[in-house]
């Protein structure tokens, strides 16, 4: 069975995680016209159906970060044995008066809450309660999944460029069993760069990394609603700093479409 080890670049995101959480997030404000039922209730099940139909495009969203015992190599990705989309796509209603301050305060609380390592390392929270039927959307994921422009690509796989795009049905998915110990021993000799990166595990060298970051991307739509996720130029530094990581992420998204 293939062993999906983290790369040296991915391992860099794990070094400082306990001291400086390596989780990134994006806040968008959506037109809630088709997200809210006539009575004002958020249509969470309809949104989950849309996300479920696209999860095959982002396989990391159904995988766990697994650290094997000593002698079996570095961390790897394994399929979550019991994935529940309800754990990741949730509603967080805004309190009155439902203004921008309430949205930012709720977002900050979500940002500060750490992702559960026993689940895939991402979440998408919808925050209804804004004026004019608008809905906030906060997406957070671990830096090991994506960073910068790769994060924009990940988010773009779940959103549409325009409202009203037909939604397909979710593709069948069965989690693969985790690799056996013998497979991990066989694959316990990653590249020298990855081995060196994992063995040092020093957070000091990565202290300059920011604790959080915010993506901006072109206008997008989710479940038929326009989402403002801003300007891709703000992530241009990712192209020069992590070109191979971004190219690899785009390749994985294309693999998911086939």
Foldseek 3Di string as FASTA:
>chain_A
DDFAAQDLVLLLLVLCCVPQNQKAKAKKKKQQPVQADPVGDGPQVLLLQLQLQLCLLQVLQQWAWDADDPLLAGITIFGQQDDDCPVAEEEDEFDPPQEPVSVVVVLVVVVPDAADRSGRFKHKYWYDNHPPSMIMIMIMGGVSSDDQPLVVVVVPSSWAAAFDDDGDGRDDDHTDDDDDSVVSNVVRDDDPSNVVSNVVSHCVVVVPDHSYDYAFPPWTHGNRIIIGRHHSVVRVVCCVPPVVRSVVSVVSSVVSVD
